[in-house]
């Protein structure tokens, strides 16, 4: 099965880095969004198994976006990523519906392990 992943980060560099980590793997990046608004538009048009979301973004935070996705796209799992890693940030991430939290910068192996763990039981619709 080819899993579909959305990458949401206001940093072009971060989006490209994460996308490149997934390019040679079994995952299909269905889109890259620089904002919550773009992410929601992509999710409405294409189904995603997983959204990888940065916390710090302009206008709408990654935490707020994760809450929206959890309420409106229940079949989309979430991994939050951020250079912020205080305990409260991690707790807020999980409380918003995220399945995992990775601190930037992270290794490709750590990202793939997290994705594999989260998507292990998902079946193609």
N, C-alpha and C. Protein backbone atom coordinates (compact mmCIF):
# COMPACT_ATOMS: atom_id res chain seq x y z
N UNK A 1 0.84 -1.18 0.00
CA UNK A 1 0.00 0.00 0.00
C UNK A 1 0.89 1.25 0.00
N UNK A 2 0.48 2.22 -0.76
CA UNK A 2 1.23 3.48 -0.78
C UNK A 2 0.49 4.50 0.09
N UNK A 3 1.13 4.86 1.20
CA UNK A 3 0.52 5.81 2.13
C UNK A 3 0.66 7.24 1.60
N UNK A 4 -0.38 8.03 1.83
CA UNK A 4 -0.42 9.41 1.35
C UNK A 4 -0.17 10.36 2.53
N UNK A 5 0.80 11.25 2.32
CA UNK A 5 1.23 12.13 3.41
C UNK A 5 1.19 13.58 2.95
N UNK A 6 0.70 14.44 3.85
CA UNK A 6 0.70 15.88 3.66
C UNK A 6 1.74 16.49 4.59
N UNK A 7 2.55 17.39 4.07
CA UNK A 7 3.56 18.08 4.86
C UNK A 7 3.13 19.54 5.02
N UNK A 8 3.06 19.99 6.28
CA UNK A 8 2.62 21.36 6.57
C UNK A 8 3.69 22.07 7.40
N UNK A 9 4.33 23.06 6.79
CA UNK A 9 5.38 23.81 7.47
C UNK A 9 5.56 25.12 6.72
N UNK A 10 5.69 26.22 7.42
CA UNK A 10 5.86 27.51 6.74
C UNK A 10 7.28 27.69 6.20
N UNK A 11 8.18 26.80 6.55
CA UNK A 11 9.56 26.85 6.06
C UNK A 11 9.71 25.99 4.79
N UNK A 12 10.08 26.64 3.69
CA UNK A 12 10.33 25.91 2.44
C UNK A 12 11.39 24.84 2.66
N UNK A 13 12.43 25.21 3.39
CA UNK A 13 13.53 24.27 3.64
C UNK A 13 13.03 23.02 4.38
N UNK A 14 12.23 23.22 5.41
CA UNK A 14 11.72 22.08 6.19
C UNK A 14 10.81 21.19 5.34
N UNK A 15 9.92 21.81 4.57
CA UNK A 15 9.02 21.02 3.72
C UNK A 15 9.82 20.19 2.73
N UNK A 16 10.81 20.81 2.09
CA UNK A 16 11.63 20.10 1.11
C UNK A 16 12.43 18.98 1.77
N UNK A 17 12.99 19.25 2.94
CA UNK A 17 13.77 18.24 3.65
C UNK A 17 12.92 17.02 3.98
N UNK A 18 11.73 17.25 4.54
CA UNK A 18 10.85 16.14 4.90
C UNK A 18 10.40 15.39 3.65
N UNK A 19 10.03 16.13 2.62
CA UNK A 19 9.60 15.51 1.37
C UNK A 19 10.71 14.62 0.79
N UNK A 20 11.92 15.12 0.81
CA UNK A 20 13.05 14.33 0.30
C UNK A 20 13.29 13.08 1.13
N UNK A 21 13.05 13.15 2.44
CA UNK A 21 13.21 11.97 3.30
C UNK A 21 12.23 10.87 2.90
N UNK A 22 11.06 11.28 2.39
CA UNK A 22 10.01 10.32 2.08
C UNK A 22 10.00 9.87 0.62
N UNK A 23 10.68 10.61 -0.25
CA UNK A 23 10.63 10.36 -1.69
C UNK A 23 11.03 8.94 -2.06
N UNK A 24 12.08 8.43 -1.48
CA UNK A 24 12.56 7.09 -1.84
C UNK A 24 11.92 5.98 -1.03
N UNK A 25 10.97 6.34 -0.20
CA UNK A 25 10.31 5.35 0.65
C UNK A 25 8.95 4.97 0.05
N UNK A 26 8.16 4.24 0.81
CA UNK A 26 6.87 3.75 0.31
C UNK A 26 5.76 4.78 0.46
N UNK A 27 6.13 6.01 0.74
CA UNK A 27 5.13 7.04 0.99
C UNK A 27 4.98 7.97 -0.20
N UNK A 28 3.78 8.47 -0.38
CA UNK A 28 3.46 9.40 -1.46
C UNK A 28 3.08 10.74 -0.83
N UNK A 29 3.88 11.76 -1.10
CA UNK A 29 3.59 13.09 -0.58
C UNK A 29 2.52 13.70 -1.49
N UNK A 30 1.31 13.87 -0.94
CA UNK A 30 0.19 14.37 -1.75
C UNK A 30 0.20 15.89 -1.86
N UNK A 31 1.00 16.53 -1.01
CA UNK A 31 1.07 17.98 -1.08
C UNK A 31 1.94 18.55 0.02
N UNK A 32 2.34 19.78 -0.22
CA UNK A 32 3.11 20.54 0.76
C UNK A 32 2.38 21.86 0.96
N UNK A 33 2.12 22.20 2.21
CA UNK A 33 1.40 23.42 2.53
C UNK A 33 2.24 24.31 3.43
N UNK A 34 2.19 25.62 3.16
CA UNK A 34 2.93 26.58 3.98
C UNK A 34 2.06 27.18 5.07
N UNK A 35 0.76 26.84 5.05
CA UNK A 35 -0.16 27.41 6.04
C UNK A 35 -1.29 26.42 6.32
N UNK A 36 -2.02 26.69 7.40
CA UNK A 36 -3.18 25.86 7.74
C UNK A 36 -4.23 25.94 6.64
N UNK A 37 -4.43 27.12 6.09
CA UNK A 37 -5.43 27.30 5.03
C UNK A 37 -5.11 26.41 3.82
N UNK A 38 -3.85 26.41 3.40
CA UNK A 38 -3.43 25.56 2.29
C UNK A 38 -3.62 24.09 2.64
N UNK A 39 -3.27 23.71 3.86
CA UNK A 39 -3.38 22.32 4.29
C UNK A 39 -4.82 21.84 4.24
N UNK A 40 -5.74 22.65 4.73
CA UNK A 40 -7.16 22.27 4.73
C UNK A 40 -7.66 22.13 3.30
N UNK A 41 -7.24 23.01 2.42
CA UNK A 41 -7.64 22.93 1.02
C UNK A 41 -7.16 21.61 0.40
N UNK A 42 -5.93 21.25 0.66
CA UNK A 42 -5.38 20.00 0.13
C UNK A 42 -6.13 18.80 0.70
N UNK A 43 -6.39 18.81 2.01
CA UNK A 43 -7.09 17.69 2.64
C UNK A 43 -8.52 17.54 2.10
N UNK A 44 -9.15 18.63 1.74
CA UNK A 44 -10.51 18.56 1.18
C UNK A 44 -10.48 17.92 -0.20
N UNK A 45 -9.42 18.19 -0.96
CA UNK A 45 -9.31 17.66 -2.32
C UNK A 45 -8.76 16.24 -2.39
N UNK A 46 -7.87 15.91 -1.47
CA UNK A 46 -7.19 14.61 -1.50
C UNK A 46 -7.17 14.02 -0.10
N UNK A 47 -7.40 12.75 -0.01
CA UNK A 47 -7.35 12.09 1.30
C UNK A 47 -5.90 11.82 1.67
N UNK A 48 -5.59 12.05 2.95
CA UNK A 48 -4.24 11.76 3.46
C UNK A 48 -4.35 10.78 4.60
N UNK A 49 -3.41 9.85 4.65
CA UNK A 49 -3.32 8.96 5.80
C UNK A 49 -2.68 9.68 6.98
N UNK A 50 -1.78 10.64 6.65
CA UNK A 50 -0.97 11.28 7.69
C UNK A 50 -0.67 12.72 7.30
N UNK A 51 -0.69 13.60 8.29
CA UNK A 51 -0.22 14.98 8.12
C UNK A 51 0.94 15.19 9.08
N UNK A 52 2.04 15.69 8.55
CA UNK A 52 3.20 16.06 9.36
C UNK A 52 3.16 17.58 9.47
N UNK A 53 2.98 18.08 10.70
CA UNK A 53 2.67 19.50 10.89
C UNK A 53 3.66 20.18 11.83
N UNK A 54 4.19 21.30 11.38
CA UNK A 54 5.03 22.15 12.24
C UNK A 54 4.12 22.92 13.19
N UNK A 55 4.58 23.17 14.39
CA UNK A 55 3.76 23.88 15.37
C UNK A 55 3.74 25.38 15.12
N UNK A 56 4.90 25.97 14.90
CA UNK A 56 4.98 27.43 14.78
C UNK A 56 4.78 27.84 13.32
N UNK A 57 3.59 28.41 13.07
CA UNK A 57 3.25 28.91 11.75
C UNK A 57 2.47 30.22 11.92
N UNK A 58 2.51 31.09 10.90
CA UNK A 58 1.77 32.34 11.01
C UNK A 58 0.26 32.10 10.95
N UNK A 59 -0.49 32.99 11.52
CA UNK A 59 -1.96 33.01 11.51
C UNK A 59 -2.58 31.89 12.34
N UNK A 60 -2.44 30.64 11.91
CA UNK A 60 -3.01 29.50 12.63
C UNK A 60 -1.87 28.56 13.01
N UNK A 61 -1.76 28.24 14.30
CA UNK A 61 -0.66 27.38 14.75
C UNK A 61 -0.90 25.93 14.33
N UNK A 62 0.16 25.17 14.37
CA UNK A 62 0.04 23.75 14.08
C UNK A 62 -0.87 23.03 15.06
N UNK A 63 -0.88 23.49 16.31
CA UNK A 63 -1.76 22.90 17.33
C UNK A 63 -3.22 23.12 16.93
N UNK A 64 -3.56 24.34 16.53
CA UNK A 64 -4.94 24.63 16.11
C UNK A 64 -5.31 23.83 14.86
N UNK A 65 -4.37 23.71 13.93
CA UNK A 65 -4.62 22.92 12.73
C UNK A 65 -4.84 21.45 13.08
N UNK A 66 -4.04 20.92 13.99
CA UNK A 66 -4.20 19.53 14.41
C UNK A 66 -5.58 19.30 15.02
N UNK A 67 -6.04 20.24 15.83
CA UNK A 67 -7.38 20.12 16.42
C UNK A 67 -8.44 20.10 15.33
N UNK A 68 -8.30 20.95 14.32
CA UNK A 68 -9.25 21.01 13.21
C UNK A 68 -9.25 19.68 12.43
N UNK A 69 -8.05 19.18 12.14
CA UNK A 69 -7.95 17.91 11.40
C UNK A 69 -8.56 16.77 12.20
N UNK A 70 -8.30 16.73 13.49
CA UNK A 70 -8.84 15.68 14.35
C UNK A 70 -10.36 15.70 14.33
N UNK A 71 -10.94 16.88 14.30
CA UNK A 71 -12.41 17.01 14.29
C UNK A 71 -13.02 16.74 12.92
N UNK A 72 -12.34 17.12 11.86
CA UNK A 72 -12.94 17.11 10.52
C UNK A 72 -12.39 16.06 9.55
N UNK A 73 -11.25 15.51 9.85
CA UNK A 73 -10.63 14.49 8.99
C UNK A 73 -10.14 13.35 9.88
N UNK A 74 -11.09 12.64 10.47
CA UNK A 74 -10.77 11.64 11.49
C UNK A 74 -9.84 10.52 11.00
N UNK A 75 -9.78 10.29 9.71
CA UNK A 75 -8.93 9.22 9.18
C UNK A 75 -7.52 9.68 8.86
N UNK A 76 -7.20 10.91 9.25
CA UNK A 76 -5.85 11.44 9.01
C UNK A 76 -5.10 11.50 10.34
N UNK A 77 -4.05 10.70 10.44
CA UNK A 77 -3.19 10.73 11.63
C UNK A 77 -2.27 11.95 11.55
N UNK A 78 -1.69 12.34 12.69
CA UNK A 78 -0.88 13.55 12.76
C UNK A 78 0.42 13.29 13.51
N UNK A 79 1.51 13.80 12.93
CA UNK A 79 2.80 13.89 13.63
C UNK A 79 3.12 15.37 13.72
N UNK A 80 3.32 15.86 14.93
CA UNK A 80 3.73 17.26 15.12
C UNK A 80 5.26 17.31 15.13
N UNK A 81 5.80 18.35 14.50
CA UNK A 81 7.24 18.57 14.51
C UNK A 81 7.52 20.02 14.91
N UNK A 82 8.58 20.21 15.67
CA UNK A 82 8.94 21.57 16.08
C UNK A 82 10.33 21.59 16.68
N UNK A 83 10.97 22.74 16.58
CA UNK A 83 12.24 22.92 17.28
C UNK A 83 11.97 23.19 18.76
N UNK A 84 10.73 23.58 19.08
CA UNK A 84 10.32 23.74 20.48
C UNK A 84 10.02 22.36 21.05
N UNK A 85 10.57 22.05 22.20
CA UNK A 85 10.32 20.72 22.75
C UNK A 85 10.07 20.75 24.25
N UNK A 86 9.62 21.88 24.76
CA UNK A 86 9.27 21.92 26.17
C UNK A 86 8.14 20.93 26.41
N UNK A 87 8.08 20.42 27.63
CA UNK A 87 7.07 19.41 27.97
C UNK A 87 5.67 19.90 27.64
N UNK A 88 5.38 21.18 27.91
CA UNK A 88 4.04 21.71 27.65
C UNK A 88 3.70 21.67 26.16
N UNK A 89 4.68 21.90 25.31
CA UNK A 89 4.46 21.87 23.86
C UNK A 89 4.13 20.45 23.41
N UNK A 90 4.87 19.48 23.93
CA UNK A 90 4.62 18.08 23.59
C UNK A 90 3.23 17.67 24.08
N UNK A 91 2.88 18.05 25.29
CA UNK A 91 1.56 17.72 25.86
C UNK A 91 0.45 18.36 25.02
N UNK A 92 0.62 19.63 24.66
CA UNK A 92 -0.36 20.31 23.82
C UNK A 92 -0.51 19.61 22.47
N UNK A 93 0.60 19.14 21.92
CA UNK A 93 0.57 18.44 20.63
C UNK A 93 -0.26 17.17 20.71
N UNK A 94 0.00 16.38 21.72
CA UNK A 94 -0.72 15.12 21.89
C UNK A 94 -2.19 15.39 22.21
N UNK A 95 -2.44 16.39 23.03
CA UNK A 95 -3.82 16.76 23.38
C UNK A 95 -4.62 17.23 22.17
N UNK A 96 -3.94 17.80 21.19
CA UNK A 96 -4.61 18.30 19.99
C UNK A 96 -4.98 17.20 19.02
N UNK A 97 -4.49 15.99 19.30
CA UNK A 97 -4.81 14.86 18.43
C UNK A 97 -3.62 14.22 17.74
N UNK A 98 -2.44 14.76 17.96
CA UNK A 98 -1.26 14.19 17.33
C UNK A 98 -0.93 12.83 17.94
N UNK A 99 -0.46 11.93 17.08
CA UNK A 99 -0.06 10.61 17.53
C UNK A 99 1.38 10.58 18.01
N UNK A 100 2.18 11.55 17.54
CA UNK A 100 3.59 11.57 17.92
C UNK A 100 4.11 13.00 17.79
N UNK A 101 5.28 13.23 18.39
CA UNK A 101 5.96 14.53 18.35
C UNK A 101 7.43 14.27 18.06
N UNK A 102 7.98 14.97 17.09
CA UNK A 102 9.41 14.88 16.79
C UNK A 102 10.03 16.26 16.90
N UNK A 103 11.16 16.33 17.59
CA UNK A 103 11.87 17.61 17.72
C UNK A 103 12.79 17.80 16.53
N UNK A 104 12.72 18.99 15.91
CA UNK A 104 13.62 19.35 14.82
C UNK A 104 14.97 19.72 15.39
N UNK A 105 16.04 19.45 14.71
CA UNK A 105 16.09 18.60 13.53
C UNK A 105 16.02 17.13 13.94
N UNK A 106 15.40 16.32 13.12
CA UNK A 106 15.30 14.89 13.43
C UNK A 106 15.94 14.10 12.30
N UNK A 107 16.30 12.87 12.61
CA UNK A 107 16.92 11.99 11.63
C UNK A 107 15.83 11.31 10.80
N UNK A 108 16.17 10.99 9.58
CA UNK A 108 15.24 10.29 8.69
C UNK A 108 14.72 9.02 9.36
N UNK A 109 15.61 8.28 10.00
CA UNK A 109 15.21 7.02 10.64
C UNK A 109 14.15 7.25 11.72
N UNK A 110 14.28 8.35 12.47
CA UNK A 110 13.29 8.66 13.51
C UNK A 110 11.93 8.97 12.90
N UNK A 111 11.93 9.72 11.79
CA UNK A 111 10.68 10.04 11.12
C UNK A 111 10.03 8.77 10.57
N UNK A 112 10.81 7.93 9.90
CA UNK A 112 10.26 6.71 9.32
C UNK A 112 9.74 5.75 10.39
N UNK A 113 10.44 5.66 11.52
CA UNK A 113 9.98 4.82 12.62
C UNK A 113 8.64 5.31 13.14
N UNK A 114 8.51 6.62 13.31
CA UNK A 114 7.26 7.21 13.79
C UNK A 114 6.13 6.94 12.80
N UNK A 115 6.38 7.17 11.53
CA UNK A 115 5.36 6.95 10.50
C UNK A 115 4.95 5.48 10.48
N UNK A 116 5.92 4.58 10.47
CA UNK A 116 5.61 3.15 10.43
C UNK A 116 4.76 2.73 11.61
N UNK A 117 5.08 3.25 12.79
CA UNK A 117 4.34 2.92 14.01
C UNK A 117 2.88 3.40 13.91
N UNK A 118 2.69 4.60 13.43
CA UNK A 118 1.35 5.20 13.36
C UNK A 118 0.50 4.55 12.29
N UNK A 119 1.10 4.26 11.14
CA UNK A 119 0.32 3.77 10.02
C UNK A 119 0.26 2.24 9.91
N UNK A 120 0.83 1.55 10.85
CA UNK A 120 0.90 0.08 10.79
C UNK A 120 -0.45 -0.57 10.60
N UNK A 121 -1.48 -0.03 11.21
CA UNK A 121 -2.79 -0.68 11.16
C UNK A 121 -3.76 -0.06 10.16
N UNK A 122 -3.32 0.96 9.46
CA UNK A 122 -4.23 1.61 8.51
C UNK A 122 -4.32 0.78 7.23
N UNK A 123 -5.53 0.57 6.79
CA UNK A 123 -5.77 -0.16 5.54
C UNK A 123 -6.23 0.83 4.48
N UNK A 124 -5.87 0.55 3.25
CA UNK A 124 -6.32 1.39 2.13
C UNK A 124 -7.84 1.37 2.06
N UNK A 125 -8.43 2.54 1.92
CA UNK A 125 -9.89 2.65 1.87
C UNK A 125 -10.43 2.18 0.53
